[in-house]
């Protein structure tokens, strides 16, 4: 589900994503489709590669709920200054 969301947000077709991820051009679209449909699970190396292409951190794909996924994505996209501020705020009593 999240793979499809990220791919669509990036404006890529299944074929385009597969090709950029260096899948063979003849299987690029079907392979990404199988991943999105849950018929096959990409190995961690491929999932990490897809995350790099789609600007998503690896744990985002495994988050059990949408709130956690949103937090992981916000953290991933935050500047180092914003991350420091958030950590400082989280440490406050």
C-alpha atoms as a PDB file:
ATOM      1  CA  UNK A   1       0.000   0.000   0.000  1.00  0.00           C
ATOM      2  CA  UNK A   2       2.700   2.488   0.982  1.00  0.00           C
ATOM      3  CA  UNK A   3       4.842   1.657  -2.025  1.00  0.00           C
ATOM      4  CA  UNK A   4       1.984   2.593  -4.313  1.00  0.00           C
ATOM      5  CA  UNK A   5       1.310   5.809  -2.367  1.00  0.00           C
ATOM      6  CA  UNK A   6       4.947   6.861  -2.614  1.00  0.00           C
ATOM      7  CA  UNK A   7       5.197   5.932  -6.298  1.00  0.00           C
ATOM      8  CA  UNK A   8       2.076   7.884  -7.187  1.00  0.00           C
ATOM      9  CA  UNK A   9       3.211  10.876  -5.102  1.00  0.00           C
ATOM     10  CA  UNK A  10       6.459  10.841  -7.099  1.00  0.00           C
ATOM     11  CA  UNK A  11       4.482  10.798 -10.346  1.00  0.00           C
ATOM     12  CA  UNK A  12       6.054   7.561 -11.571  1.00  0.00           C
ATOM     13  CA  UNK A  13       4.435   4.654 -13.347  1.00  0.00           C
ATOM     14  CA  UNK A  14       5.186   1.138 -12.163  1.00  0.00           C
ATOM     15  CA  UNK A  15       7.361   0.674 -15.227  1.00  0.00           C
ATOM     16  CA  UNK A  16       9.285   3.898 -14.648  1.00  0.00           C
ATOM     17  CA  UNK A  17       9.944   3.035 -11.011  1.00  0.00           C
ATOM     18  CA  UNK A  18      11.128  -0.443 -11.931  1.00  0.00           C
ATOM     19  CA  UNK A  19      13.497   0.883 -14.568  1.00  0.00           C
ATOM     20  CA  UNK A  20      14.952   3.535 -12.245  1.00  0.00           C
ATOM     21  CA  UNK A  21      15.379   0.781  -9.628  1.00  0.00           C
ATOM     22  CA  UNK A  22      17.440  -1.062 -12.241  1.00  0.00           C
ATOM     23  CA  UNK A  23      15.041  -3.937 -12.820  1.00  0.00           C
ATOM     24  CA  UNK A  24      15.173  -5.537 -16.254  1.00  0.00           C
ATOM     25  CA  UNK A  25      12.965  -3.492 -18.563  1.00  0.00           C
ATOM     26  CA  UNK A  26      10.900  -6.572 -19.468  1.00  0.00           C
ATOM     27  CA  UNK A  27       9.882  -7.216 -15.841  1.00  0.00           C
ATOM     28  CA  UNK A  28       9.938  -3.680 -14.408  1.00  0.00           C
ATOM     29  CA  UNK A  29       6.183  -3.050 -14.432  1.00  0.00           C
ATOM     30  CA  UNK A  30       5.015  -6.567 -13.450  1.00  0.00           C
ATOM     31  CA  UNK A  31       7.530  -6.763 -10.594  1.00  0.00           C
ATOM     32  CA  UNK A  32       6.495  -3.413  -9.086  1.00  0.00           C
ATOM     33  CA  UNK A  33       2.858  -4.436  -9.530  1.00  0.00           C
ATOM     34  CA  UNK A  34       3.497  -7.665  -7.616  1.00  0.00           C
ATOM     35  CA  UNK A  35       5.153  -5.696  -4.816  1.00  0.00           C
ATOM     36  CA  UNK A  36       2.247  -3.260  -4.625  1.00  0.00           C
ATOM     37  CA  UNK A  37      -0.334  -6.048  -4.650  1.00  0.00           C
ATOM     38  CA  UNK A  38       1.477  -7.932  -1.896  1.00  0.00           C
ATOM     39  CA  UNK A  39       2.025 -11.003  -4.057  1.00  0.00           C
ATOM     40  CA  UNK A  40       5.787 -10.738  -3.590  1.00  0.00           C
ATOM     41  CA  UNK A  41       7.921  -8.890  -1.071  1.00  0.00           C
ATOM     42  CA  UNK A  42      11.023  -7.102  -2.299  1.00  0.00           C
ATOM     43  CA  UNK A  43      14.203  -8.032  -0.471  1.00  0.00           C
ATOM     44  CA  UNK A  44      15.621  -5.390   1.863  1.00  0.00           C
ATOM     45  CA  UNK A  45      18.191  -4.204  -0.643  1.00  0.00           C
ATOM     46  CA  UNK A  46      15.481  -3.581  -3.262  1.00  0.00           C
ATOM     47  CA  UNK A  47      13.140  -1.971  -0.744  1.00  0.00           C
ATOM     48  CA  UNK A  48      15.939   0.305   0.390  1.00  0.00           C
ATOM     49  CA  UNK A  49      16.622   1.218  -3.251  1.00  0.00           C
ATOM     50  CA  UNK A  50      12.938   1.969  -3.833  1.00  0.00           C
ATOM     51  CA  UNK A  51      12.942   4.113  -0.699  1.00  0.00           C
ATOM     52  CA  UNK A  52      15.927   6.088  -1.961  1.00  0.00           C
ATOM     53  CA  UNK A  53      14.217   6.699  -5.297  1.00  0.00           C
ATOM     54  CA  UNK A  54      10.934   7.682  -3.647  1.00  0.00           C
ATOM     55  CA  UNK A  55      12.545   9.618  -0.766  1.00  0.00           C
ATOM     56  CA  UNK A  56      11.115   7.343   1.914  1.00  0.00           C
ATOM     57  CA  UNK A  57      13.057   5.846   4.833  1.00  0.00           C
ATOM     58  CA  UNK A  58      13.130   2.056   5.041  1.00  0.00           C
ATOM     59  CA  UNK A  59      11.145   1.875   8.339  1.00  0.00           C
ATOM     60  CA  UNK A  60       8.315   3.840   6.684  1.00  0.00           C
ATOM     61  CA  UNK A  61       7.431   0.776   4.611  1.00  0.00           C
ATOM     62  CA  UNK A  62       7.081  -1.348   7.762  1.00  0.00           C
ATOM     63  CA  UNK A  63       5.130   1.063   9.982  1.00  0.00           C
ATOM     64  CA  UNK A  64       2.042  -0.672  11.357  1.00  0.00           C
ATOM     65  CA  UNK A  65      -0.167   2.420  11.280  1.00  0.00           C
ATOM     66  CA  UNK A  66      -0.469   5.617   9.283  1.00  0.00           C
ATOM     67  CA  UNK A  67       0.412   7.916  12.202  1.00  0.00           C
ATOM     68  CA  UNK A  68       3.740   6.161  12.741  1.00  0.00           C
ATOM     69  CA  UNK A  69       4.426   6.248   9.007  1.00  0.00           C
ATOM     70  CA  UNK A  70       3.676   9.985   8.944  1.00  0.00           C
ATOM     71  CA  UNK A  71       6.058  10.607  11.848  1.00  0.00           C
ATOM     72  CA  UNK A  72       8.817   8.576  10.195  1.00  0.00           C
ATOM     73  CA  UNK A  73       8.389  10.490   6.959  1.00  0.00           C
ATOM     74  CA  UNK A  74       8.345  13.865   8.727  1.00  0.00           C
ATOM     75  CA  UNK A  75      11.538  12.941  10.589  1.00  0.00           C
ATOM     76  CA  UNK A  76      13.174  11.751   7.370  1.00  0.00           C
ATOM     77  CA  UNK A  77      12.358  14.989   5.578  1.00  0.00           C
ATOM     78  CA  UNK A  78      13.234  17.332   8.482  1.00  0.00           C
ATOM     79  CA  UNK A  79      16.433  19.333   8.484  1.00  0.00           C
ATOM     80  CA  UNK A  80      19.085  18.478  11.049  1.00  0.00           C
ATOM     81  CA  UNK A  81      18.232  21.673  12.957  1.00  0.00           C
ATOM     82  CA  UNK A  82      14.577  20.731  13.140  1.00  0.00           C
ATOM     83  CA  UNK A  83      15.514  17.203  14.256  1.00  0.00           C
ATOM     84  CA  UNK A  84      17.639  18.631  17.074  1.00  0.00           C
ATOM     85  CA  UNK A  85      14.780  20.864  18.195  1.00  0.00           C
ATOM     86  CA  UNK A  86      12.344  17.976  18.161  1.00  0.00           C
ATOM     87  CA  UNK A  87      14.698  15.773  20.176  1.00  0.00           C
ATOM     88  CA  UNK A  88      15.222  18.524  22.714  1.00  0.00           C
ATOM     89  CA  UNK A  89      11.466  19.052  23.034  1.00  0.00           C
ATOM     90  CA  UNK A  90      10.839  15.322  23.392  1.00  0.00           C
ATOM     91  CA  UNK A  91      13.376  15.129  26.254  1.00  0.00           C
ATOM     92  CA  UNK A  92      11.571  17.808  28.258  1.00  0.00           C
ATOM     93  CA  UNK A  93       9.520  16.572  31.235  1.00  0.00           C
END
